[in-house]
Amino acid sequence: VVLHVLAGTVGLVSFWIPITARKGSSRHRKWGRVACHAFMGAGVLAIAMALLSLYGAEQRLPMITDRVLFNGLFGWMMLYLGMLTIGFAHYGLAVVKYRNRRMALRGWQYQLVFAAVVGLALNCGWYGMTTGQPLMALVALVGLVAVATQLAYVWRREVTPGSHVAEHFRSLLGMGISAYTAFMSVGMIRLVPDHVFNPLVWAVPSIVGV
């Protein structure tokens, strides 16, 4: 948890530096890489914590007595959001790296990440709909739409020059939104568990991002 918080804090803060810096500058590239790698580290740790929540001790976060809600929020949704953040960061860096070799994005390592995001999104959405938490399904839909647009770029026969810039921007903005959504709905909610499914809490990162 401590390592996750440290990595997440670095990502949440450094994310704004490349947003405000001149695009393509050394400052933009340097801090963009810092934010991406910090978020990917936080995502890996989020996945580990989600698995502990699902298959570990029942005593985790005793202030949430509803274990169905606990499994959904700190288990399946955290698992999905961790993978979604990793996927956005991984793809956002790759489209710039392979801007002149788009075929490289069709490699198994990228397709595997796409498949993981889709699988976990469907699982998160299904759990949300079957337990009366439609916001989980709505968050899952974001990932499905994002992967669909990314796959369209990767597998399209021809793309216009410079189209990788839009892909890069959308993906890393999505990375920030998914990370802030995780922070607001999973991290901060420890302080105010009564608002765990307050739509406003969940909507703030998307509103700011858009």
N, C-alpha and C. Protein backbone atom coordinates (compact mmCIF):
# COMPACT_ATOMS: atom_id res chain seq x y z
N VAL A 1 0.84 -1.20 0.00
CA VAL A 1 0.00 0.00 0.00
C VAL A 1 0.87 1.25 0.00
N VAL A 2 1.92 1.24 0.83
CA VAL A 2 2.82 2.41 0.90
C VAL A 2 3.50 2.64 -0.46
N LEU A 3 4.01 1.57 -1.06
CA LEU A 3 4.66 1.70 -2.37
C LEU A 3 3.67 2.20 -3.43
N HIS A 4 2.44 1.70 -3.37
CA HIS A 4 1.40 2.12 -4.31
C HIS A 4 1.11 3.62 -4.15
N VAL A 5 1.00 4.07 -2.90
CA VAL A 5 0.73 5.48 -2.64
C VAL A 5 1.89 6.35 -3.14
N LEU A 6 3.11 5.91 -2.90
CA LEU A 6 4.28 6.68 -3.35
C LEU A 6 4.31 6.77 -4.88
N ALA A 7 4.14 5.64 -5.54
CA ALA A 7 4.15 5.64 -7.01
C ALA A 7 3.00 6.46 -7.56
N GLY A 8 1.82 6.30 -6.97
CA GLY A 8 0.66 7.05 -7.42
C GLY A 8 0.81 8.54 -7.23
N THR A 9 1.40 8.95 -6.10
CA THR A 9 1.60 10.37 -5.84
C THR A 9 2.54 10.99 -6.87
N VAL A 10 3.64 10.28 -7.18
CA VAL A 10 4.56 10.77 -8.21
C VAL A 10 3.82 10.93 -9.54
N GLY A 11 3.00 9.94 -9.89
CA GLY A 11 2.25 10.02 -11.14
C GLY A 11 1.22 11.14 -11.14
N LEU A 12 0.46 11.25 -10.06
CA LEU A 12 -0.61 12.25 -9.99
C LEU A 12 -0.06 13.68 -10.08
N VAL A 13 1.12 13.90 -9.51
CA VAL A 13 1.72 15.24 -9.54
C VAL A 13 2.44 15.50 -10.86
N SER A 14 3.30 14.56 -11.28
CA SER A 14 4.11 14.78 -12.48
C SER A 14 3.28 14.75 -13.76
N PHE A 15 2.09 14.16 -13.70
CA PHE A 15 1.19 14.12 -14.87
C PHE A 15 0.94 15.51 -15.46
N TRP A 16 0.87 16.54 -14.58
CA TRP A 16 0.51 17.89 -15.03
C TRP A 16 1.66 18.62 -15.70
N ILE A 17 2.90 18.17 -15.47
CA ILE A 17 4.05 18.87 -16.06
C ILE A 17 4.07 18.72 -17.58
N PRO A 18 3.98 17.51 -18.13
CA PRO A 18 3.92 17.42 -19.60
C PRO A 18 2.64 18.00 -20.20
N ILE A 19 1.57 18.04 -19.40
CA ILE A 19 0.34 18.66 -19.89
C ILE A 19 0.56 20.15 -20.16
N THR A 20 1.29 20.80 -19.24
CA THR A 20 1.48 22.25 -19.36
C THR A 20 2.73 22.62 -20.15
N ALA A 21 3.68 21.70 -20.29
CA ALA A 21 4.94 22.01 -20.99
C ALA A 21 4.71 22.06 -22.51
N ARG A 22 5.64 22.71 -23.20
CA ARG A 22 5.58 22.75 -24.66
C ARG A 22 5.73 21.34 -25.20
N LYS A 23 4.82 20.95 -26.07
CA LYS A 23 4.79 19.59 -26.57
C LYS A 23 6.03 19.29 -27.41
N GLY A 24 6.66 18.15 -27.11
CA GLY A 24 7.86 17.76 -27.82
C GLY A 24 9.14 18.27 -27.19
N SER A 25 9.04 19.13 -26.19
CA SER A 25 10.23 19.66 -25.53
C SER A 25 10.85 18.58 -24.65
N SER A 26 12.10 18.80 -24.25
CA SER A 26 12.78 17.81 -23.39
C SER A 26 12.04 17.68 -22.05
N ARG A 27 11.50 18.79 -21.56
CA ARG A 27 10.74 18.77 -20.29
C ARG A 27 9.47 17.93 -20.43
N HIS A 28 8.81 18.09 -21.56
CA HIS A 28 7.60 17.32 -21.84
C HIS A 28 7.92 15.82 -21.89
N ARG A 29 8.97 15.47 -22.60
CA ARG A 29 9.31 14.05 -22.77
C ARG A 29 9.79 13.44 -21.45
N LYS A 30 10.64 14.17 -20.73
CA LYS A 30 11.20 13.65 -19.48
C LYS A 30 10.10 13.38 -18.45
N TRP A 31 9.27 14.39 -18.20
CA TRP A 31 8.26 14.24 -17.16
C TRP A 31 7.10 13.37 -17.63
N GLY A 32 6.89 13.31 -18.94
CA GLY A 32 5.89 12.38 -19.46
C GLY A 32 6.28 10.94 -19.18
N ARG A 33 7.57 10.62 -19.37
CA ARG A 33 8.05 9.27 -19.05
C ARG A 33 7.95 8.99 -17.55
N VAL A 34 8.29 9.99 -16.73
CA VAL A 34 8.19 9.82 -15.28
C VAL A 34 6.75 9.49 -14.88
N ALA A 35 5.80 10.26 -15.40
CA ALA A 35 4.39 10.04 -15.07
C ALA A 35 3.93 8.67 -15.52
N CYS A 36 4.28 8.29 -16.74
CA CYS A 36 3.85 7.00 -17.28
C CYS A 36 4.40 5.84 -16.46
N HIS A 37 5.69 5.87 -16.17
CA HIS A 37 6.29 4.77 -15.42
C HIS A 37 5.79 4.73 -13.97
N ALA A 38 5.54 5.90 -13.40
CA ALA A 38 4.98 5.93 -12.04
C ALA A 38 3.59 5.33 -12.03
N PHE A 39 2.77 5.68 -13.01
CA PHE A 39 1.42 5.13 -13.07
C PHE A 39 1.43 3.64 -13.37
N MET A 40 2.36 3.20 -14.22
CA MET A 40 2.44 1.76 -14.49
C MET A 40 2.85 1.00 -13.24
N GLY A 41 3.79 1.58 -12.47
CA GLY A 41 4.16 0.96 -11.20
C GLY A 41 2.99 0.91 -10.24
N ALA A 42 2.25 2.02 -10.14
CA ALA A 42 1.07 2.06 -9.28
C ALA A 42 0.02 1.06 -9.75
N GLY A 43 -0.11 0.89 -11.08
CA GLY A 43 -1.07 -0.05 -11.63
C GLY A 43 -0.73 -1.49 -11.29
N VAL A 44 0.55 -1.83 -11.38
CA VAL A 44 0.99 -3.19 -11.01
C VAL A 44 0.69 -3.46 -9.53
N LEU A 45 0.98 -2.48 -8.68
CA LEU A 45 0.71 -2.64 -7.25
C LEU A 45 -0.79 -2.67 -6.97
N ALA A 46 -1.58 -1.93 -7.74
CA ALA A 46 -3.04 -1.98 -7.58
C ALA A 46 -3.57 -3.37 -7.90
N ILE A 47 -3.01 -3.98 -8.94
CA ILE A 47 -3.42 -5.33 -9.31
C ILE A 47 -3.09 -6.31 -8.17
N ALA A 48 -1.90 -6.16 -7.60
CA ALA A 48 -1.51 -7.02 -6.48
C ALA A 48 -2.46 -6.86 -5.30
N MET A 49 -2.81 -5.59 -4.97
CA MET A 49 -3.72 -5.34 -3.85
C MET A 49 -5.13 -5.85 -4.14
N ALA A 50 -5.55 -5.73 -5.40
CA ALA A 50 -6.87 -6.24 -5.77
C ALA A 50 -6.93 -7.75 -5.58
N LEU A 51 -5.88 -8.44 -5.98
CA LEU A 51 -5.85 -9.90 -5.81
C LEU A 51 -5.83 -10.27 -4.33
N LEU A 52 -5.13 -9.48 -3.51
CA LEU A 52 -5.16 -9.72 -2.07
C LEU A 52 -6.55 -9.49 -1.50
N SER A 53 -7.25 -8.48 -2.03
CA SER A 53 -8.61 -8.20 -1.56
C SER A 53 -9.55 -9.36 -1.90
N LEU A 54 -9.37 -9.92 -3.09
CA LEU A 54 -10.26 -10.99 -3.54
C LEU A 54 -9.94 -12.33 -2.91
N TYR A 55 -8.65 -12.59 -2.71
CA TYR A 55 -8.25 -13.92 -2.28
C TYR A 55 -7.46 -13.92 -0.97
N GLY A 56 -7.35 -12.76 -0.31
CA GLY A 56 -6.59 -12.65 0.93
C GLY A 56 -7.48 -12.59 2.15
N ALA A 57 -6.97 -11.93 3.18
CA ALA A 57 -7.68 -11.90 4.47
C ALA A 57 -8.98 -11.10 4.37
N GLU A 58 -9.98 -11.59 5.06
CA GLU A 58 -11.29 -10.92 5.08
C GLU A 58 -11.26 -9.66 5.95
N GLN A 59 -10.18 -9.49 6.70
CA GLN A 59 -10.12 -8.36 7.63
C GLN A 59 -9.71 -7.05 6.97
N ARG A 60 -9.37 -7.07 5.70
CA ARG A 60 -8.93 -5.84 5.04
C ARG A 60 -10.06 -4.81 5.04
N LEU A 61 -9.74 -3.58 5.41
CA LEU A 61 -10.67 -2.45 5.43
C LEU A 61 -11.99 -2.81 6.13
N PRO A 62 -11.95 -3.05 7.44
CA PRO A 62 -13.15 -3.47 8.16
C PRO A 62 -14.25 -2.42 8.20
N MET A 63 -13.92 -1.15 7.85
CA MET A 63 -14.98 -0.14 7.87
C MET A 63 -16.02 -0.38 6.77
N ILE A 64 -15.68 -1.17 5.77
CA ILE A 64 -16.65 -1.55 4.73
C ILE A 64 -17.17 -2.94 5.08
N THR A 65 -18.35 -2.99 5.65
CA THR A 65 -18.91 -4.27 6.12
C THR A 65 -19.59 -5.05 5.01
N ASP A 66 -19.99 -4.38 3.95
CA ASP A 66 -20.62 -5.05 2.82
C ASP A 66 -19.53 -5.70 1.97
N ARG A 67 -19.38 -7.02 2.09
CA ARG A 67 -18.28 -7.69 1.39
C ARG A 67 -18.53 -7.81 -0.10
N VAL A 68 -19.78 -7.78 -0.54
CA VAL A 68 -20.07 -7.77 -1.98
C VAL A 68 -19.56 -6.46 -2.57
N LEU A 69 -19.86 -5.35 -1.89
CA LEU A 69 -19.37 -4.05 -2.30
C LEU A 69 -17.84 -4.01 -2.24
N PHE A 70 -17.28 -4.57 -1.17
CA PHE A 70 -15.83 -4.59 -1.00
C PHE A 70 -15.15 -5.33 -2.16
N ASN A 71 -15.68 -6.51 -2.50
CA ASN A 71 -15.09 -7.28 -3.61
C ASN A 71 -15.20 -6.52 -4.92
N GLY A 72 -16.30 -5.81 -5.11
CA GLY A 72 -16.47 -5.07 -6.36
C GLY A 72 -15.52 -3.89 -6.44
N LEU A 73 -15.44 -3.10 -5.36
CA LEU A 73 -14.67 -1.87 -5.38
C LEU A 73 -13.18 -2.11 -5.23
N PHE A 74 -12.79 -2.89 -4.22
CA PHE A 74 -11.38 -3.09 -3.94
C PHE A 74 -10.82 -4.36 -4.59
N GLY A 75 -11.71 -5.10 -5.25
CA GLY A 75 -11.27 -6.29 -5.96
C GLY A 75 -11.34 -6.11 -7.46
N TRP A 76 -12.51 -6.38 -8.02
CA TRP A 76 -12.63 -6.41 -9.48
C TRP A 76 -12.45 -5.06 -10.14
N MET A 77 -12.95 -3.97 -9.51
CA MET A 77 -12.78 -2.67 -10.15
C MET A 77 -11.34 -2.17 -10.02
N MET A 78 -10.71 -2.41 -8.87
CA MET A 78 -9.31 -2.01 -8.72
C MET A 78 -8.43 -2.79 -9.70
N LEU A 79 -8.74 -4.06 -9.87
CA LEU A 79 -8.00 -4.89 -10.82
C LEU A 79 -8.11 -4.32 -12.23
N TYR A 80 -9.33 -3.95 -12.61
CA TYR A 80 -9.57 -3.38 -13.93
C TYR A 80 -8.91 -2.01 -14.09
N LEU A 81 -9.08 -1.12 -13.11
CA LEU A 81 -8.50 0.21 -13.23
C LEU A 81 -6.98 0.18 -13.25
N GLY A 82 -6.39 -0.75 -12.50
CA GLY A 82 -4.94 -0.90 -12.54
C GLY A 82 -4.47 -1.31 -13.92
N MET A 83 -5.16 -2.28 -14.52
CA MET A 83 -4.79 -2.73 -15.86
C MET A 83 -5.08 -1.66 -16.90
N LEU A 84 -6.18 -0.92 -16.73
CA LEU A 84 -6.52 0.15 -17.67
C LEU A 84 -5.46 1.24 -17.66
N THR A 85 -4.99 1.62 -16.48
CA THR A 85 -3.95 2.64 -16.38
C THR A 85 -2.66 2.17 -17.04
N ILE A 86 -2.28 0.93 -16.78
CA ILE A 86 -1.10 0.35 -17.43
C ILE A 86 -1.27 0.36 -18.94
N GLY A 87 -2.45 -0.06 -19.40
CA GLY A 87 -2.71 -0.12 -20.84
C GLY A 87 -2.62 1.24 -21.52
N PHE A 88 -3.20 2.25 -20.91
CA PHE A 88 -3.13 3.60 -21.47
C PHE A 88 -1.68 4.09 -21.55
N ALA A 89 -0.92 3.90 -20.47
CA ALA A 89 0.46 4.37 -20.43
C ALA A 89 1.32 3.63 -21.44
N HIS A 90 1.17 2.32 -21.47
CA HIS A 90 1.93 1.46 -22.38
C HIS A 90 1.69 1.86 -23.83
N TYR A 91 0.42 2.03 -24.19
CA TYR A 91 0.06 2.38 -25.55
C TYR A 91 0.45 3.81 -25.88
N GLY A 92 0.26 4.73 -24.93
CA GLY A 92 0.58 6.13 -25.18
C GLY A 92 2.04 6.36 -25.49
N LEU A 93 2.92 5.63 -24.82
CA LEU A 93 4.35 5.72 -25.11
C LEU A 93 4.69 5.02 -26.43
N ALA A 94 4.02 3.90 -26.68
CA ALA A 94 4.34 3.09 -27.86
C ALA A 94 3.98 3.79 -29.17
N VAL A 95 2.86 4.53 -29.20
CA VAL A 95 2.46 5.15 -30.47
C VAL A 95 3.46 6.21 -30.91
N VAL A 96 4.13 6.83 -29.95
CA VAL A 96 5.18 7.80 -30.30
C VAL A 96 6.45 7.07 -30.73
N LYS A 97 6.80 6.05 -29.98
CA LYS A 97 8.00 5.27 -30.29
C LYS A 97 7.92 4.66 -31.68
N TYR A 98 6.75 4.17 -32.03
CA TYR A 98 6.56 3.49 -33.32
C TYR A 98 5.73 4.30 -34.30
N ARG A 99 5.88 5.61 -34.24
CA ARG A 99 5.08 6.47 -35.12
C ARG A 99 5.36 6.20 -36.60
N ASN A 100 6.57 5.74 -36.91
CA ASN A 100 6.91 5.41 -38.30
C ASN A 100 6.91 3.91 -38.56
N ARG A 101 6.59 3.12 -37.54
CA ARG A 101 6.54 1.66 -37.69
C ARG A 101 5.31 1.12 -36.97
N ARG A 102 4.13 1.54 -37.44
CA ARG A 102 2.89 1.20 -36.75
C ARG A 102 2.67 -0.30 -36.65
N MET A 103 3.25 -1.06 -37.58
CA MET A 103 3.09 -2.51 -37.57
C MET A 103 3.59 -3.13 -36.26
N ALA A 104 4.56 -2.46 -35.61
CA ALA A 104 5.11 -3.00 -34.36
C ALA A 104 4.04 -3.09 -33.28
N LEU A 105 3.02 -2.23 -33.36
CA LEU A 105 1.96 -2.24 -32.36
C LEU A 105 1.05 -3.46 -32.49
N ARG A 106 1.23 -4.23 -33.56
CA ARG A 106 0.45 -5.45 -33.73
C ARG A 106 1.13 -6.66 -33.08
N GLY A 107 2.25 -6.42 -32.43
CA GLY A 107 2.96 -7.49 -31.74
C GLY A 107 2.16 -8.05 -30.56
N TRP A 108 2.53 -9.27 -30.17
CA TRP A 108 1.76 -9.97 -29.14
C TRP A 108 1.74 -9.22 -27.81
N GLN A 109 2.84 -8.51 -27.46
CA GLN A 109 2.88 -7.85 -26.16
C GLN A 109 1.86 -6.72 -26.05
N TYR A 110 1.56 -6.06 -27.17
CA TYR A 110 0.56 -5.01 -27.16
C TYR A 110 -0.85 -5.60 -27.23
N GLN A 111 -1.02 -6.62 -28.06
CA GLN A 111 -2.34 -7.25 -28.17
C GLN A 111 -2.75 -7.93 -26.87
N LEU A 112 -1.77 -8.45 -26.13
CA LEU A 112 -2.06 -9.08 -24.84
C LEU A 112 -2.60 -8.06 -23.84
N VAL A 113 -2.01 -6.86 -23.84
CA VAL A 113 -2.49 -5.80 -22.95
C VAL A 113 -3.91 -5.39 -23.33
N PHE A 114 -4.17 -5.25 -24.64
CA PHE A 114 -5.53 -4.93 -25.09
C PHE A 114 -6.52 -5.98 -24.59
N ALA A 115 -6.16 -7.25 -24.75
CA ALA A 115 -7.05 -8.34 -24.36
C ALA A 115 -7.30 -8.33 -22.85
N ALA A 116 -6.26 -8.03 -22.07
CA ALA A 116 -6.41 -8.00 -20.61
C ALA A 116 -7.35 -6.89 -20.19
N VAL A 117 -7.23 -5.72 -20.81
CA VAL A 117 -8.12 -4.59 -20.47
C VAL A 117 -9.56 -4.94 -20.81
N VAL A 118 -9.78 -5.51 -21.99
CA VAL A 118 -11.14 -5.86 -22.41
C VAL A 118 -11.73 -6.91 -21.47
N GLY A 119 -10.97 -7.95 -21.17
CA GLY A 119 -11.48 -9.01 -20.29
C GLY A 119 -11.84 -8.49 -18.91
N LEU A 120 -10.98 -7.68 -18.33
CA LEU A 120 -11.24 -7.15 -16.99
C LEU A 120 -12.35 -6.10 -16.99
N ALA A 121 -12.47 -5.35 -18.10
CA ALA A 121 -13.57 -4.39 -18.22
C ALA A 121 -14.92 -5.11 -18.26
N LEU A 122 -15.00 -6.16 -19.05
CA LEU A 122 -16.25 -6.93 -19.15
C LEU A 122 -16.61 -7.54 -17.79
N ASN A 123 -15.61 -8.05 -17.09
CA ASN A 123 -15.85 -8.64 -15.78
C ASN A 123 -16.32 -7.59 -14.77
N CYS A 124 -15.66 -6.41 -14.79
CA CYS A 124 -16.04 -5.32 -13.89
C CYS A 124 -17.47 -4.86 -14.18
N GLY A 125 -17.78 -4.69 -15.47
CA GLY A 125 -19.12 -4.26 -15.85
C GLY A 125 -20.18 -5.26 -15.46
N TRP A 126 -19.90 -6.54 -15.68
CA TRP A 126 -20.86 -7.59 -15.34
C TRP A 126 -21.10 -7.64 -13.83
N TYR A 127 -20.02 -7.54 -13.05
CA TYR A 127 -20.16 -7.55 -11.60
C TYR A 127 -20.99 -6.36 -11.14
N GLY A 128 -20.73 -5.18 -11.73
CA GLY A 128 -21.48 -3.99 -11.35
C GLY A 128 -22.96 -4.12 -11.66
N MET A 129 -23.29 -4.63 -12.83
CA MET A 129 -24.70 -4.75 -13.23
C MET A 129 -25.43 -5.80 -12.39
N THR A 130 -24.74 -6.88 -12.02
CA THR A 130 -25.40 -7.94 -11.26
C THR A 130 -25.47 -7.66 -9.77
N THR A 131 -24.76 -6.64 -9.31
CA THR A 131 -24.81 -6.28 -7.89
C THR A 131 -25.45 -4.91 -7.66
N GLY A 132 -26.08 -4.36 -8.69
CA GLY A 132 -26.78 -3.09 -8.54
C GLY A 132 -25.88 -1.89 -8.44
N GLN A 133 -24.70 -1.94 -9.10
CA GLN A 133 -23.77 -0.81 -9.10
C GLN A 133 -23.46 -0.41 -10.55
N PRO A 134 -24.39 0.30 -11.20
CA PRO A 134 -24.21 0.63 -12.63
C PRO A 134 -23.00 1.50 -12.91
N LEU A 135 -22.50 2.24 -11.90
CA LEU A 135 -21.32 3.06 -12.14
C LEU A 135 -20.10 2.21 -12.48
N MET A 136 -20.03 1.00 -11.93
CA MET A 136 -18.95 0.10 -12.28
C MET A 136 -19.03 -0.27 -13.76
N ALA A 137 -20.24 -0.47 -14.24
CA ALA A 137 -20.43 -0.79 -15.66
C ALA A 137 -20.08 0.40 -16.54
N LEU A 138 -20.40 1.60 -16.07
CA LEU A 138 -20.10 2.80 -16.84
C LEU A 138 -18.59 3.01 -16.96
N VAL A 139 -17.87 2.80 -15.86
CA VAL A 139 -16.42 2.91 -15.89
C VAL A 139 -15.82 1.85 -16.81
N ALA A 140 -16.39 0.66 -16.79
CA ALA A 140 -15.92 -0.41 -17.67
C ALA A 140 -16.11 -0.05 -19.14
N LEU A 141 -17.21 0.64 -19.44
CA LEU A 141 -17.49 1.03 -20.81
C LEU A 141 -16.41 1.96 -21.36
N VAL A 142 -15.85 2.81 -20.51
CA VAL A 142 -14.78 3.73 -20.92
C VAL A 142 -13.60 2.94 -21.48
N GLY A 143 -13.21 1.88 -20.78
CA GLY A 143 -12.10 1.06 -21.23
C GLY A 143 -12.38 0.35 -22.54
N LEU A 144 -13.60 -0.14 -22.69
CA LEU A 144 -13.96 -0.84 -23.93
C LEU A 144 -13.93 0.10 -25.13
N VAL A 145 -14.45 1.31 -24.95
CA VAL A 145 -14.42 2.29 -26.04
C VAL A 145 -12.98 2.68 -26.36
N ALA A 146 -12.16 2.88 -25.32
CA ALA A 146 -10.77 3.27 -25.54
C ALA A 146 -10.01 2.21 -26.32
N VAL A 147 -10.16 0.95 -25.94
CA VAL A 147 -9.46 -0.13 -26.63
C VAL A 147 -9.95 -0.25 -28.08
N ALA A 148 -11.24 -0.05 -28.29
CA ALA A 148 -11.77 -0.12 -29.65
C ALA A 148 -11.13 0.94 -30.55
N THR A 149 -10.97 2.15 -30.04
CA THR A 149 -10.35 3.21 -30.85
C THR A 149 -8.86 2.94 -31.07
N GLN A 150 -8.21 2.38 -30.06
CA GLN A 150 -6.79 2.06 -30.19
C GLN A 150 -6.57 0.95 -31.21
N LEU A 151 -7.41 -0.08 -31.15
CA LEU A 151 -7.28 -1.17 -32.12
C LEU A 151 -7.58 -0.69 -33.54
N ALA A 152 -8.51 0.26 -33.66
CA ALA A 152 -8.82 0.80 -34.98
C ALA A 152 -7.59 1.48 -35.58
N TYR A 153 -6.84 2.20 -34.75
CA TYR A 153 -5.62 2.85 -35.22
C TYR A 153 -4.55 1.81 -35.57
N VAL A 154 -4.38 0.84 -34.71
CA VAL A 154 -3.33 -0.16 -34.90
C VAL A 154 -3.54 -0.99 -36.17
N TRP A 155 -4.78 -1.37 -36.42
CA TRP A 155 -5.06 -2.29 -37.52
C TRP A 155 -5.58 -1.61 -38.79
N ARG A 156 -5.76 -0.31 -38.75
CA ARG A 156 -6.21 0.40 -39.95
C ARG A 156 -5.15 0.26 -41.04
N ARG A 157 -5.63 0.15 -42.26
CA ARG A 157 -4.69 -0.06 -43.37
C ARG A 157 -3.79 1.14 -43.58
N GLU A 158 -4.39 2.32 -43.60
CA GLU A 158 -3.63 3.56 -43.78
C GLU A 158 -4.06 4.56 -42.71
N VAL A 159 -3.12 5.37 -42.25
CA VAL A 159 -3.45 6.45 -41.31
C VAL A 159 -2.87 7.74 -41.86
N THR A 160 -3.48 8.84 -41.49
CA THR A 160 -3.00 10.13 -41.96
C THR A 160 -1.71 10.51 -41.22
N PRO A 161 -0.82 11.24 -41.85
CA PRO A 161 0.41 11.68 -41.19
C PRO A 161 0.10 12.48 -39.92
N GLY A 162 0.82 12.17 -38.87
CA GLY A 162 0.62 12.88 -37.61
C GLY A 162 -0.51 12.35 -36.75
N SER A 163 -1.20 11.31 -37.22
CA SER A 163 -2.34 10.80 -36.44
C SER A 163 -1.88 10.17 -35.12
N HIS A 164 -0.60 9.81 -35.03
CA HIS A 164 -0.10 9.25 -33.77
C HIS A 164 -0.15 10.27 -32.63
N VAL A 165 -0.12 11.56 -32.99
CA VAL A 165 -0.15 12.60 -31.96
C VAL A 165 -1.49 12.57 -31.22
N ALA A 166 -2.57 12.44 -31.97
CA ALA A 166 -3.90 12.37 -31.35
C ALA A 166 -4.02 11.11 -30.50
N GLU A 167 -3.48 10.00 -31.00
CA GLU A 167 -3.51 8.75 -30.24
C GLU A 167 -2.73 8.90 -28.93
N HIS A 168 -1.57 9.50 -29.03
CA HIS A 168 -0.72 9.72 -27.86
C HIS A 168 -1.45 10.60 -26.83
N PHE A 169 -2.04 11.68 -27.30
CA PHE A 169 -2.73 12.61 -26.41
C PHE A 169 -3.92 11.95 -25.73
N ARG A 170 -4.76 11.28 -26.53
CA ARG A 170 -5.96 10.64 -25.97
C ARG A 170 -5.59 9.58 -24.95
N SER A 171 -4.56 8.80 -25.28
CA SER A 171 -4.20 7.69 -24.42
C SER A 171 -3.65 8.16 -23.08
N LEU A 172 -2.74 9.14 -23.10
CA LEU A 172 -2.16 9.58 -21.84
C LEU A 172 -3.11 10.47 -21.04
N LEU A 173 -4.02 11.13 -21.73
CA LEU A 173 -5.09 11.82 -20.99
C LEU A 173 -5.99 10.79 -20.33
N GLY A 174 -6.28 9.71 -21.05
CA GLY A 174 -7.06 8.61 -20.47
C GLY A 174 -6.34 7.98 -19.29
N MET A 175 -5.01 7.87 -19.38
CA MET A 175 -4.22 7.36 -18.27
C MET A 175 -4.45 8.20 -17.02
N GLY A 176 -4.41 9.53 -17.20
CA GLY A 176 -4.63 10.43 -16.07
C GLY A 176 -6.03 10.29 -15.51
N ILE A 177 -7.03 10.21 -16.39
CA ILE A 177 -8.42 10.09 -15.94
C ILE A 177 -8.61 8.79 -15.17
N SER A 178 -8.08 7.68 -15.69
CA SER A 178 -8.26 6.39 -15.01
C SER A 178 -7.55 6.39 -13.66
N ALA A 179 -6.37 7.00 -13.60
CA ALA A 179 -5.64 7.04 -12.33
C ALA A 179 -6.35 7.92 -11.32
N TYR A 180 -6.84 9.08 -11.75
CA TYR A 180 -7.56 9.95 -10.83
C TYR A 180 -8.90 9.35 -10.42
N THR A 181 -9.54 8.61 -11.33
CA THR A 181 -10.78 7.91 -10.96
C THR A 181 -10.50 6.88 -9.88
N ALA A 182 -9.41 6.14 -10.05
CA ALA A 182 -9.02 5.15 -9.04
C ALA A 182 -8.73 5.83 -7.71
N PHE A 183 -8.04 6.96 -7.77
CA PHE A 183 -7.71 7.70 -6.55
C PHE A 183 -8.97 8.19 -5.84
N MET A 184 -9.89 8.78 -6.61
CA MET A 184 -11.09 9.35 -6.01
C MET A 184 -12.04 8.28 -5.48
N SER A 185 -12.24 7.21 -6.28
CA SER A 185 -13.27 6.23 -5.94
C SER A 185 -12.77 5.08 -5.08
N VAL A 186 -11.46 4.81 -5.09
CA VAL A 186 -10.92 3.70 -4.31
C VAL A 186 -10.01 4.18 -3.18
N GLY A 187 -9.15 5.16 -3.47
CA GLY A 187 -8.21 5.62 -2.46
C GLY A 187 -8.80 6.58 -1.46
N MET A 188 -9.28 7.71 -1.96
CA MET A 188 -9.81 8.74 -1.07
C MET A 188 -11.05 8.26 -0.32
N ILE A 189 -11.77 7.31 -0.92
CA ILE A 189 -13.04 6.89 -0.34
C ILE A 189 -12.84 6.17 0.99
N ARG A 190 -11.60 5.76 1.29
CA ARG A 190 -11.32 5.19 2.60
C ARG A 190 -11.70 6.18 3.71
N LEU A 191 -11.55 7.48 3.42
CA LEU A 191 -11.84 8.51 4.43
C LEU A 191 -13.33 8.75 4.59
N VAL A 192 -14.10 8.55 3.50
CA VAL A 192 -15.54 8.81 3.54
C VAL A 192 -16.27 7.63 2.89
N PRO A 193 -16.27 6.45 3.52
CA PRO A 193 -16.85 5.26 2.90
C PRO A 193 -18.33 5.38 2.57
N ASP A 194 -19.05 6.30 3.22
CA ASP A 194 -20.47 6.47 2.93
C ASP A 194 -20.70 7.00 1.52
N HIS A 195 -19.67 7.60 0.91
CA HIS A 195 -19.81 8.18 -0.42
C HIS A 195 -19.14 7.32 -1.50
N VAL A 196 -19.01 6.03 -1.18
CA VAL A 196 -18.26 5.15 -2.06
C VAL A 196 -18.83 5.12 -3.48
N PHE A 197 -20.14 5.23 -3.63
CA PHE A 197 -20.74 5.24 -4.96
C PHE A 197 -21.50 6.55 -5.22
N ASN A 198 -20.95 7.63 -4.71
CA ASN A 198 -21.49 8.96 -5.01
C ASN A 198 -21.09 9.30 -6.45
N PRO A 199 -22.05 9.49 -7.36
CA PRO A 199 -21.71 9.73 -8.76
C PRO A 199 -20.79 10.93 -8.96
N LEU A 200 -20.92 11.95 -8.12
CA LEU A 200 -20.09 13.14 -8.26
C LEU A 200 -18.60 12.81 -8.05
N VAL A 201 -18.32 11.98 -7.04
CA VAL A 201 -16.94 11.59 -6.75
C VAL A 201 -16.33 10.89 -7.97
N TRP A 202 -17.12 10.02 -8.59
CA TRP A 202 -16.62 9.28 -9.75
C TRP A 202 -16.50 10.15 -10.98
N ALA A 203 -17.34 11.18 -11.08
CA ALA A 203 -17.39 11.98 -12.31
C ALA A 203 -16.32 13.05 -12.38
N VAL A 204 -15.81 13.50 -11.24
CA VAL A 204 -14.86 14.62 -11.22
C VAL A 204 -13.66 14.40 -12.15
N PRO A 205 -12.96 13.25 -12.09
CA PRO A 205 -11.78 13.08 -12.98
C PRO A 205 -12.15 13.17 -14.46
N SER A 206 -13.27 12.59 -14.85
CA SER A 206 -13.67 12.65 -16.26
C SER A 206 -14.04 14.06 -16.69
N ILE A 207 -14.71 14.80 -15.80
CA ILE A 207 -15.10 16.18 -16.11
C ILE A 207 -13.85 17.03 -16.30
N VAL A 208 -12.89 16.91 -15.35
CA VAL A 208 -11.64 17.67 -15.46
C VAL A 208 -10.87 17.26 -16.70
N GLY A 209 -10.81 15.95 -16.95
CA GLY A 209 -10.09 15.45 -18.11
C GLY A 209 -10.65 15.95 -19.43
N VAL A 210 -11.96 15.91 -19.55
CA VAL A 210 -12.59 16.40 -20.78
C VAL A 210 -12.40 17.89 -20.94
